[in-house]
Amino acid sequence: LVAVEELTNLAIVTEEIARTFIFVIVIGLSEIVLLSVIFSI
């Protein structure tokens, strides 16, 4: 979505939504790391 916006100058997502997606991705990765440790034990 960000690449399409940069290439076409068509704002599909706002900057705030893109920042929120990055925050959601970080939360997801931290959840997976925590669950992986718990799961393996």
ModelCIF file with pLDDT and N, C-alpha, C, O atoms, coordinates in Angstrom:
data_MODEL
#
_entry.id   MODEL 
#
_entity.id                         1 
_entity.type                       polymer 
_entity.pdbx_number_of_molecules   1 
#
_entity_poly.entity_id                      1 
_entity_poly.type                           'polypeptide(L)' 
_entity_poly.nstd_linkage                   no 
_entity_poly.nstd_monomer                   no 
_entity_poly.pdbx_seq_one_letter_code       LVAVEELTNLAIVTEEIARTFIFVIVIGLSEIVLLSVIFSI 
_entity_poly.pdbx_seq_one_letter_code_can   LVAVEELTNLAIVTEEIARTFIFVIVIGLSEIVLLSVIFSI 
_entity_poly.pdbx_strand_id                 A 
#
loop_
_entity_poly_seq.entity_id 
_entity_poly_seq.num 
_entity_poly_seq.mon_id 
_entity_poly_seq.hetero 
1 1  LEU n 
1 2  VAL n 
1 3  ALA n 
1 4  VAL n 
1 5  GLU n 
1 6  GLU n 
1 7  LEU n 
1 8  THR n 
1 9  ASN n 
1 10 LEU n 
1 11 ALA n 
1 12 ILE n 
1 13 VAL n 
1 14 THR n 
1 15 GLU n 
1 16 GLU n 
1 17 ILE n 
1 18 ALA n 
1 19 ARG n 
1 20 THR n 
1 21 PHE n 
1 22 ILE n 
1 23 PHE n 
1 24 VAL n 
1 25 ILE n 
1 26 VAL n 
1 27 ILE n 
1 28 GLY n 
1 29 LEU n 
1 30 SER n 
1 31 GLU n 
1 32 ILE n 
1 33 VAL n 
1 34 LEU n 
1 35 LEU n 
1 36 SER n 
1 37 VAL n 
1 38 ILE n 
1 39 PHE n 
1 40 SER n 
1 41 ILE n 
#
_struct_asym.id          A 
_struct_asym.entity_id   1 
#
loop_
_ma_qa_metric.id 
_ma_qa_metric.mode 
_ma_qa_metric.name 
_ma_qa_metric.software_group_id 
_ma_qa_metric.type 
1 global pLDDT . pLDDT 
2 local  pLDDT . pLDDT 
#
_ma_qa_metric_global.metric_id      1 
_ma_qa_metric_global.metric_value   89.15 
_ma_qa_metric_global.model_id       1 
_ma_qa_metric_global.ordinal_id     1 
#
loop_
_ma_qa_metric_local.label_asym_id 
_ma_qa_metric_local.label_comp_id 
_ma_qa_metric_local.label_seq_id 
_ma_qa_metric_local.metric_id 
_ma_qa_metric_local.metric_value 
_ma_qa_metric_local.model_id 
_ma_qa_metric_local.ordinal_id 
A LEU 1  2 86.00 1 1  
A VAL 2  2 86.00 1 2  
A ALA 3  2 89.00 1 3  
A VAL 4  2 89.00 1 4  
A GLU 5  2 86.00 1 5  
A GLU 6  2 86.00 1 6  
A LEU 7  2 90.00 1 7  
A THR 8  2 90.00 1 8  
A ASN 9  2 87.00 1 9  
A LEU 10 2 86.00 1 10 
A ALA 11 2 81.00 1 11 
A ILE 12 2 82.00 1 12 
A VAL 13 2 82.00 1 13 
A THR 14 2 81.00 1 14 
A GLU 15 2 81.00 1 15 
A GLU 16 2 84.00 1 16 
A ILE 17 2 84.00 1 17 
A ALA 18 2 83.00 1 18 
A ARG 19 2 85.00 1 19 
A THR 20 2 85.00 1 20 
A PHE 21 2 86.00 1 21 
A ILE 22 2 88.00 1 22 
A PHE 23 2 89.00 1 23 
A VAL 24 2 87.00 1 24 
A ILE 25 2 91.00 1 25 
A VAL 26 2 93.00 1 26 
A ILE 27 2 91.00 1 27 
A GLY 28 2 91.00 1 28 
A LEU 29 2 94.00 1 29 
A SER 30 2 95.00 1 30 
A GLU 31 2 93.00 1 31 
A ILE 32 2 94.00 1 32 
A VAL 33 2 95.00 1 33 
A LEU 34 2 96.00 1 34 
A LEU 35 2 95.00 1 35 
A SER 36 2 96.00 1 36 
A VAL 37 2 96.00 1 37 
A ILE 38 2 96.00 1 38 
A PHE 39 2 96.00 1 39 
A SER 40 2 95.00 1 40 
A ILE 41 2 95.00 1 41 
#
loop_
_atom_site.group_PDB 
_atom_site.id 
_atom_site.type_symbol 
_atom_site.label_atom_id 
_atom_site.label_alt_id 
_atom_site.label_comp_id 
_atom_site.label_asym_id 
_atom_site.label_entity_id 
_atom_site.label_seq_id 
_atom_site.pdbx_PDB_ins_code 
_atom_site.Cartn_x 
_atom_site.Cartn_y 
_atom_site.Cartn_z 
_atom_site.occupancy 
_atom_site.B_iso_or_equiv 
_atom_site.pdbx_formal_charge 
_atom_site.auth_seq_id 
_atom_site.auth_comp_id 
_atom_site.auth_asym_id 
_atom_site.auth_atom_id 
_atom_site.pdbx_PDB_model_num 
ATOM 1   N N  . LEU A 1 1  ? 0.827  -1.219  0.000  1.00 86.00 ? 1  LEU A N  1 
ATOM 2   C CA . LEU A 1 1  ? 0.000  0.000   0.000  1.00 86.00 ? 1  LEU A CA 1 
ATOM 3   C C  . LEU A 1 1  ? 0.858  1.265   0.000  1.00 86.00 ? 1  LEU A C  1 
ATOM 4   O O  . LEU A 1 1  ? 0.535  2.234   -0.687 1.00 86.00 ? 1  LEU A O  1 
ATOM 5   N N  . VAL A 1 2  ? 1.930  1.259   0.754  1.00 86.00 ? 2  VAL A N  1 
ATOM 6   C CA . VAL A 1 2  ? 2.821  2.424   0.771  1.00 86.00 ? 2  VAL A CA 1 
ATOM 7   C C  . VAL A 1 2  ? 3.554  2.551   -0.559 1.00 86.00 ? 2  VAL A C  1 
ATOM 8   O O  . VAL A 1 2  ? 3.746  3.662   -1.053 1.00 86.00 ? 2  VAL A O  1 
ATOM 9   N N  . ALA A 1 3  ? 3.968  1.419   -1.150 1.00 89.00 ? 3  ALA A N  1 
ATOM 10  C CA . ALA A 1 3  ? 4.657  1.465   -2.442 1.00 89.00 ? 3  ALA A CA 1 
ATOM 11  C C  . ALA A 1 3  ? 3.744  2.003   -3.538 1.00 89.00 ? 3  ALA A C  1 
ATOM 12  O O  . ALA A 1 3  ? 4.177  2.786   -4.384 1.00 89.00 ? 3  ALA A O  1 
ATOM 13  N N  . VAL A 1 4  ? 2.484  1.585   -3.521 1.00 89.00 ? 4  VAL A N  1 
ATOM 14  C CA . VAL A 1 4  ? 1.524  2.104   -4.510 1.00 89.00 ? 4  VAL A CA 1 
ATOM 15  C C  . VAL A 1 4  ? 1.345  3.607   -4.336 1.00 89.00 ? 4  VAL A C  1 
ATOM 16  O O  . VAL A 1 4  ? 1.254  4.351   -5.313 1.00 89.00 ? 4  VAL A O  1 
ATOM 17  N N  . GLU A 1 5  ? 1.296  4.042   -3.084 1.00 86.00 ? 5  GLU A N  1 
ATOM 18  C CA . GLU A 1 5  ? 1.154  5.476   -2.831 1.00 86.00 ? 5  GLU A CA 1 
ATOM 19  C C  . GLU A 1 5  ? 2.373  6.253   -3.334 1.00 86.00 ? 5  GLU A C  1 
ATOM 20  O O  . GLU A 1 5  ? 2.229  7.334   -3.906 1.00 86.00 ? 5  GLU A O  1 
ATOM 21  N N  . GLU A 1 6  ? 3.564  5.707   -3.122 1.00 86.00 ? 6  GLU A N  1 
ATOM 22  C CA . GLU A 1 6  ? 4.775  6.402   -3.568 1.00 86.00 ? 6  GLU A CA 1 
ATOM 23  C C  . GLU A 1 6  ? 4.892  6.416   -5.091 1.00 86.00 ? 6  GLU A C  1 
ATOM 24  O O  . GLU A 1 6  ? 5.349  7.401   -5.672 1.00 86.00 ? 6  GLU A O  1 
ATOM 25  N N  . LEU A 1 7  ? 4.484  5.333   -5.731 1.00 90.00 ? 7  LEU A N  1 
ATOM 26  C CA . LEU A 1 7  ? 4.628  5.255   -7.184 1.00 90.00 ? 7  LEU A CA 1 
ATOM 27  C C  . LEU A 1 7  ? 3.576  6.058   -7.932 1.00 90.00 ? 7  LEU A C  1 
ATOM 28  O O  . LEU A 1 7  ? 3.872  6.638   -8.977 1.00 90.00 ? 7  LEU A O  1 
ATOM 29  N N  . THR A 1 8  ? 2.372  6.101   -7.423 1.00 90.00 ? 8  THR A N  1 
ATOM 30  C CA . THR A 1 8  ? 1.285  6.742   -8.167 1.00 90.00 ? 8  THR A CA 1 
ATOM 31  C C  . THR A 1 8  ? 0.835  8.081   -7.580 1.00 90.00 ? 8  THR A C  1 
ATOM 32  O O  . THR A 1 8  ? 0.002  8.766   -8.173 1.00 90.00 ? 8  THR A O  1 
ATOM 33  N N  . ASN A 1 9  ? 1.370  8.451   -6.444 1.00 87.00 ? 9  ASN A N  1 
ATOM 34  C CA . ASN A 1 9  ? 0.950  9.661   -5.725 1.00 87.00 ? 9  ASN A CA 1 
ATOM 35  C C  . ASN A 1 9  ? -0.536 9.635   -5.382 1.00 87.00 ? 9  ASN A C  1 
ATOM 36  O O  . ASN A 1 9  ? -1.158 10.679  -5.190 1.00 87.00 ? 9  ASN A O  1 
ATOM 37  N N  . LEU A 1 10 ? -1.091 8.441   -5.308 1.00 86.00 ? 10 LEU A N  1 
ATOM 38  C CA . LEU A 1 10 ? -2.480 8.242   -4.924 1.00 86.00 ? 10 LEU A CA 1 
ATOM 39  C C  . LEU A 1 10 ? -2.490 7.731   -3.491 1.00 86.00 ? 10 LEU A C  1 
ATOM 40  O O  . LEU A 1 10 ? -1.992 6.642   -3.208 1.00 86.00 ? 10 LEU A O  1 
ATOM 41  N N  . ALA A 1 11 ? -3.054 8.515   -2.600 1.00 81.00 ? 11 ALA A N  1 
ATOM 42  C CA . ALA A 1 11 ? -3.028 8.179   -1.170 1.00 81.00 ? 11 ALA A CA 1 
ATOM 43  C C  . ALA A 1 11 ? -4.069 7.106   -0.856 1.00 81.00 ? 11 ALA A C  1 
ATOM 44  O O  . ALA A 1 11 ? -5.243 7.411   -0.643 1.00 81.00 ? 11 ALA A O  1 
ATOM 45  N N  . ILE A 1 12 ? -3.627 5.847   -0.828 1.00 82.00 ? 12 ILE A N  1 
ATOM 46  C CA . ILE A 1 12 ? -4.524 4.753   -0.471 1.00 82.00 ? 12 ILE A CA 1 
ATOM 47  C C  . ILE A 1 12 ? -4.663 4.680   1.043  1.00 82.00 ? 12 ILE A C  1 
ATOM 48  O O  . ILE A 1 12 ? -5.763 4.512   1.570  1.00 82.00 ? 12 ILE A O  1 
ATOM 49  N N  . VAL A 1 13 ? -3.551 4.805   1.725  1.00 82.00 ? 13 VAL A N  1 
ATOM 50  C CA . VAL A 1 13 ? -3.554 4.817   3.191  1.00 82.00 ? 13 VAL A CA 1 
ATOM 51  C C  . VAL A 1 13 ? -2.928 6.122   3.659  1.00 82.00 ? 13 VAL A C  1 
ATOM 52  O O  . VAL A 1 13 ? -2.026 6.668   3.023  1.00 82.00 ? 13 VAL A O  1 
ATOM 53  N N  . THR A 1 14 ? -3.426 6.597   4.775  1.00 81.00 ? 14 THR A N  1 
ATOM 54  C CA . THR A 1 14 ? -2.827 7.800   5.343  1.00 81.00 ? 14 THR A CA 1 
ATOM 55  C C  . THR A 1 14 ? -1.576 7.420   6.121  1.00 81.00 ? 14 THR A C  1 
ATOM 56  O O  . THR A 1 14 ? -1.333 6.247   6.409  1.00 81.00 ? 14 THR A O  1 
ATOM 57  N N  . GLU A 1 15 ? -0.804 8.416   6.449  1.00 81.00 ? 15 GLU A N  1 
ATOM 58  C CA . GLU A 1 15 ? 0.425  8.160   7.197  1.00 81.00 ? 15 GLU A CA 1 
ATOM 59  C C  . GLU A 1 15 ? 0.126  7.620   8.594  1.00 81.00 ? 15 GLU A C  1 
ATOM 60  O O  . GLU A 1 15 ? 0.882  6.805   9.122  1.00 81.00 ? 15 GLU A O  1 
ATOM 61  N N  . GLU A 1 16 ? -0.962 8.069   9.184  1.00 84.00 ? 16 GLU A N  1 
ATOM 62  C CA . GLU A 1 16 ? -1.332 7.587   10.513 1.00 84.00 ? 16 GLU A CA 1 
ATOM 63  C C  . GLU A 1 16 ? -1.690 6.095   10.493 1.00 84.00 ? 16 GLU A C  1 
ATOM 64  O O  . GLU A 1 16 ? -1.332 5.348   11.404 1.00 84.00 ? 16 GLU A O  1 
ATOM 65  N N  . ILE A 1 17 ? -2.393 5.681   9.453  1.00 84.00 ? 17 ILE A N  1 
ATOM 66  C CA . ILE A 1 17 ? -2.753 4.267   9.336  1.00 84.00 ? 17 ILE A CA 1 
ATOM 67  C C  . ILE A 1 17 ? -1.497 3.420   9.112  1.00 84.00 ? 17 ILE A C  1 
ATOM 68  O O  . ILE A 1 17 ? -1.374 2.333   9.678  1.00 84.00 ? 17 ILE A O  1 
ATOM 69  N N  . ALA A 1 18 ? -0.572 3.908   8.297  1.00 83.00 ? 18 ALA A N  1 
ATOM 70  C CA . ALA A 1 18 ? 0.673  3.174   8.069  1.00 83.00 ? 18 ALA A CA 1 
ATOM 71  C C  . ALA A 1 18 ? 1.463  3.039   9.366  1.00 83.00 ? 18 ALA A C  1 
ATOM 72  O O  . ALA A 1 18 ? 2.014  1.973   9.641  1.00 83.00 ? 18 ALA A O  1 
ATOM 73  N N  . ARG A 1 19 ? 1.527  4.087   10.154 1.00 85.00 ? 19 ARG A N  1 
ATOM 74  C CA . ARG A 1 19 ? 2.218  4.010   11.449 1.00 85.00 ? 19 ARG A CA 1 
ATOM 75  C C  . ARG A 1 19 ? 1.512  3.040   12.391 1.00 85.00 ? 19 ARG A C  1 
ATOM 76  O O  . ARG A 1 19 ? 2.168  2.318   13.142 1.00 85.00 ? 19 ARG A O  1 
ATOM 77  N N  . THR A 1 20 ? 0.198  3.016   12.358 1.00 85.00 ? 20 THR A N  1 
ATOM 78  C CA . THR A 1 20 ? -0.550 2.085   13.201 1.00 85.00 ? 20 THR A CA 1 
ATOM 79  C C  . THR A 1 20 ? -0.285 0.647   12.771 1.00 85.00 ? 20 THR A C  1 
ATOM 80  O O  . THR A 1 20 ? -0.142 -0.232  13.620 1.00 85.00 ? 20 THR A O  1 
ATOM 81  N N  . PHE A 1 21 ? -0.218 0.397   11.472 1.00 86.00 ? 21 PHE A N  1 
ATOM 82  C CA . PHE A 1 21 ? 0.103  -0.947  10.990 1.00 86.00 ? 21 PHE A CA 1 
ATOM 83  C C  . PHE A 1 21 ? 1.479  -1.390  11.484 1.00 86.00 ? 21 PHE A C  1 
ATOM 84  O O  . PHE A 1 21 ? 1.651  -2.545  11.873 1.00 86.00 ? 21 PHE A O  1 
ATOM 85  N N  . ILE A 1 22 ? 2.437  -0.504  11.474 1.00 88.00 ? 22 ILE A N  1 
ATOM 86  C CA . ILE A 1 22 ? 3.779  -0.850  11.958 1.00 88.00 ? 22 ILE A CA 1 
ATOM 87  C C  . ILE A 1 22 ? 3.721  -1.206  13.440 1.00 88.00 ? 22 ILE A C  1 
ATOM 88  O O  . ILE A 1 22 ? 4.375  -2.153  13.878 1.00 88.00 ? 22 ILE A O  1 
ATOM 89  N N  . PHE A 1 23 ? 2.950  -0.462  14.204 1.00 89.00 ? 23 PHE A N  1 
ATOM 90  C CA . PHE A 1 23 ? 2.789  -0.762  15.628 1.00 89.00 ? 23 PHE A CA 1 
ATOM 91  C C  . PHE A 1 23 ? 2.134  -2.129  15.824 1.00 89.00 ? 23 PHE A C  1 
ATOM 92  O O  . PHE A 1 23 ? 2.533  -2.893  16.702 1.00 89.00 ? 23 PHE A O  1 
ATOM 93  N N  . VAL A 1 24 ? 1.134  -2.430  15.008 1.00 87.00 ? 24 VAL A N  1 
ATOM 94  C CA . VAL A 1 24 ? 0.453  -3.727  15.085 1.00 87.00 ? 24 VAL A CA 1 
ATOM 95  C C  . VAL A 1 24 ? 1.418  -4.858  14.734 1.00 87.00 ? 24 VAL A C  1 
ATOM 96  O O  . VAL A 1 24 ? 1.379  -5.914  15.365 1.00 87.00 ? 24 VAL A O  1 
ATOM 97  N N  . ILE A 1 25 ? 2.269  -4.658  13.753 1.00 91.00 ? 25 ILE A N  1 
ATOM 98  C CA . ILE A 1 25 ? 3.249  -5.667  13.369 1.00 91.00 ? 25 ILE A CA 1 
ATOM 99  C C  . ILE A 1 25 ? 4.236  -5.922  14.497 1.00 91.00 ? 25 ILE A C  1 
ATOM 100 O O  . ILE A 1 25 ? 4.585  -7.072  14.765 1.00 91.00 ? 25 ILE A O  1 
ATOM 101 N N  . VAL A 1 26 ? 4.689  -4.870  15.157 1.00 93.00 ? 26 VAL A N  1 
ATOM 102 C CA . VAL A 1 26 ? 5.612  -5.035  16.291 1.00 93.00 ? 26 VAL A CA 1 
ATOM 103 C C  . VAL A 1 26 ? 4.938  -5.792  17.432 1.00 93.00 ? 26 VAL A C  1 
ATOM 104 O O  . VAL A 1 26 ? 5.554  -6.660  18.050 1.00 93.00 ? 26 VAL A O  1 
ATOM 105 N N  . ILE A 1 27 ? 3.689  -5.472  17.711 1.00 91.00 ? 27 ILE A N  1 
ATOM 106 C CA . ILE A 1 27 ? 2.949  -6.206  18.748 1.00 91.00 ? 27 ILE A CA 1 
ATOM 107 C C  . ILE A 1 27 ? 2.825  -7.682  18.364 1.00 91.00 ? 27 ILE A C  1 
ATOM 108 O O  . ILE A 1 27 ? 3.002  -8.558  19.210 1.00 91.00 ? 27 ILE A O  1 
ATOM 109 N N  . GLY A 1 28 ? 2.525  -7.958  17.109 1.00 91.00 ? 28 GLY A N  1 
ATOM 110 C CA . GLY A 1 28 ? 2.404  -9.338  16.649 1.00 91.00 ? 28 GLY A CA 1 
ATOM 111 C C  . GLY A 1 28 ? 3.698  -10.112 16.764 1.00 91.00 ? 28 GLY A C  1 
ATOM 112 O O  . GLY A 1 28 ? 3.697  -11.270 17.180 1.00 91.00 ? 28 GLY A O  1 
ATOM 113 N N  . LEU A 1 29 ? 4.804  -9.483  16.400 1.00 94.00 ? 29 LEU A N  1 
ATOM 114 C CA . LEU A 1 29 ? 6.097  -10.156 16.517 1.00 94.00 ? 29 LEU A CA 1 
ATOM 115 C C  . LEU A 1 29 ? 6.461  -10.438 17.966 1.00 94.00 ? 29 LEU A C  1 
ATOM 116 O O  . LEU A 1 29 ? 6.996  -11.502 18.277 1.00 94.00 ? 29 LEU A O  1 
ATOM 117 N N  . SER A 1 30 ? 6.178  -9.496  18.849 1.00 95.00 ? 30 SER A N  1 
ATOM 118 C CA . SER A 1 30 ? 6.483  -9.729  20.262 1.00 95.00 ? 30 SER A CA 1 
ATOM 119 C C  . SER A 1 30 ? 5.594  -10.825 20.833 1.00 95.00 ? 30 SER A C  1 
ATOM 120 O O  . SER A 1 30 ? 6.040  -11.600 21.680 1.00 95.00 ? 30 SER A O  1 
ATOM 121 N N  . GLU A 1 31 ? 4.341  -10.902 20.383 1.00 93.00 ? 31 GLU A N  1 
ATOM 122 C CA . GLU A 1 31 ? 3.460  -11.982 20.826 1.00 93.00 ? 31 GLU A CA 1 
ATOM 123 C C  . GLU A 1 31 ? 3.990  -13.329 20.367 1.00 93.00 ? 31 GLU A C  1 
ATOM 124 O O  . GLU A 1 31 ? 3.966  -14.295 21.130 1.00 93.00 ? 31 GLU A O  1 
ATOM 125 N N  . ILE A 1 32 ? 4.467  -13.409 19.139 1.00 94.00 ? 32 ILE A N  1 
ATOM 126 C CA . ILE A 1 32 ? 4.975  -14.672 18.620 1.00 94.00 ? 32 ILE A CA 1 
ATOM 127 C C  . ILE A 1 32 ? 6.232  -15.112 19.356 1.00 94.00 ? 32 ILE A C  1 
ATOM 128 O O  . ILE A 1 32 ? 6.398  -16.298 19.638 1.00 94.00 ? 32 ILE A O  1 
ATOM 129 N N  . VAL A 1 33 ? 7.118  -14.173 19.670 1.00 95.00 ? 33 VAL A N  1 
ATOM 130 C CA . VAL A 1 33 ? 8.324  -14.531 20.425 1.00 95.00 ? 33 VAL A CA 1 
ATOM 131 C C  . VAL A 1 33 ? 7.945  -15.067 21.799 1.00 95.00 ? 33 VAL A C  1 
ATOM 132 O O  . VAL A 1 33 ? 8.464  -16.100 22.223 1.00 95.00 ? 33 VAL A O  1 
ATOM 133 N N  . LEU A 1 34 ? 7.060  -14.388 22.489 1.00 96.00 ? 34 LEU A N  1 
ATOM 134 C CA . LEU A 1 34 ? 6.636  -14.831 23.817 1.00 96.00 ? 34 LEU A CA 1 
ATOM 135 C C  . LEU A 1 34 ? 5.933  -16.185 23.757 1.00 96.00 ? 34 LEU A C  1 
ATOM 136 O O  . LEU A 1 34 ? 6.240  -17.073 24.552 1.00 96.00 ? 34 LEU A O  1 
ATOM 137 N N  . LEU A 1 35 ? 4.999  -16.353 22.827 1.00 95.00 ? 35 LEU A N  1 
ATOM 138 C CA . LEU A 1 35 ? 4.293  -17.626 22.701 1.00 95.00 ? 35 LEU A CA 1 
ATOM 139 C C  . LEU A 1 35 ? 5.233  -18.757 22.278 1.00 95.00 ? 35 LEU A C  1 
ATOM 140 O O  . LEU A 1 35 ? 5.034  -19.904 22.680 1.00 95.00 ? 35 LEU A O  1 
ATOM 141 N N  . SER A 1 36 ? 6.245  -18.450 21.480 1.00 96.00 ? 36 SER A N  1 
ATOM 142 C CA . SER A 1 36 ? 7.187  -19.483 21.063 1.00 96.00 ? 36 SER A CA 1 
ATOM 143 C C  . SER A 1 36 ? 7.994  -20.016 22.232 1.00 96.00 ? 36 SER A C  1 
ATOM 144 O O  . SER A 1 36 ? 8.210  -21.223 22.344 1.00 96.00 ? 36 SER A O  1 
ATOM 145 N N  . VAL A 1 37 ? 8.438  -19.125 23.102 1.00 96.00 ? 37 VAL A N  1 
ATOM 146 C CA . VAL A 1 37 ? 9.179  -19.562 24.286 1.00 96.00 ? 37 VAL A CA 1 
ATOM 147 C C  . VAL A 1 37 ? 8.282  -20.403 25.190 1.00 96.00 ? 37 VAL A C  1 
ATOM 148 O O  . VAL A 1 37 ? 8.686  -21.470 25.653 1.00 96.00 ? 37 VAL A O  1 
ATOM 149 N N  . ILE A 1 38 ? 7.075  -19.924 25.437 1.00 96.00 ? 38 ILE A N  1 
ATOM 150 C CA . ILE A 1 38 ? 6.135  -20.669 26.280 1.00 96.00 ? 38 ILE A CA 1 
ATOM 151 C C  . ILE A 1 38 ? 5.797  -22.012 25.639 1.00 96.00 ? 38 ILE A C  1 
ATOM 152 O O  . ILE A 1 38 ? 5.736  -23.032 26.326 1.00 96.00 ? 38 ILE A O  1 
ATOM 153 N N  . PHE A 1 39 ? 5.578  -22.015 24.321 1.00 96.00 ? 39 PHE A N  1 
ATOM 154 C CA . PHE A 1 39 ? 5.218  -23.247 23.629 1.00 96.00 ? 39 PHE A CA 1 
ATOM 155 C C  . PHE A 1 39 ? 6.345  -24.269 23.703 1.00 96.00 ? 39 PHE A C  1 
ATOM 156 O O  . PHE A 1 39 ? 6.092  -25.442 23.980 1.00 96.00 ? 39 PHE A O  1 
ATOM 157 N N  . SER A 1 40 ? 7.577  -23.849 23.460 1.00 95.00 ? 40 SER A N  1 
ATOM 158 C CA . SER A 1 40 ? 8.673  -24.812 23.451 1.00 95.00 ? 40 SER A CA 1 
ATOM 159 C C  . SER A 1 40 ? 8.882  -25.432 24.833 1.00 95.00 ? 40 SER A C  1 
ATOM 160 O O  . SER A 1 40 ? 9.156  -26.628 24.937 1.00 95.00 ? 40 SER A O  1 
ATOM 161 N N  . ILE A 1 41 ? 8.757  -24.640 25.883 1.00 95.00 ? 41 ILE A N  1 
ATOM 162 C CA . ILE A 1 41 ? 8.906  -25.181 27.242 1.00 95.00 ? 41 ILE A CA 1 
ATOM 163 C C  . ILE A 1 41 ? 7.760  -26.134 27.557 1.00 95.00 ? 41 ILE A C  1 
ATOM 164 O O  . ILE A 1 41 ? 7.705  -26.693 28.653 1.00 95.00 ? 41 ILE A O  1 
#
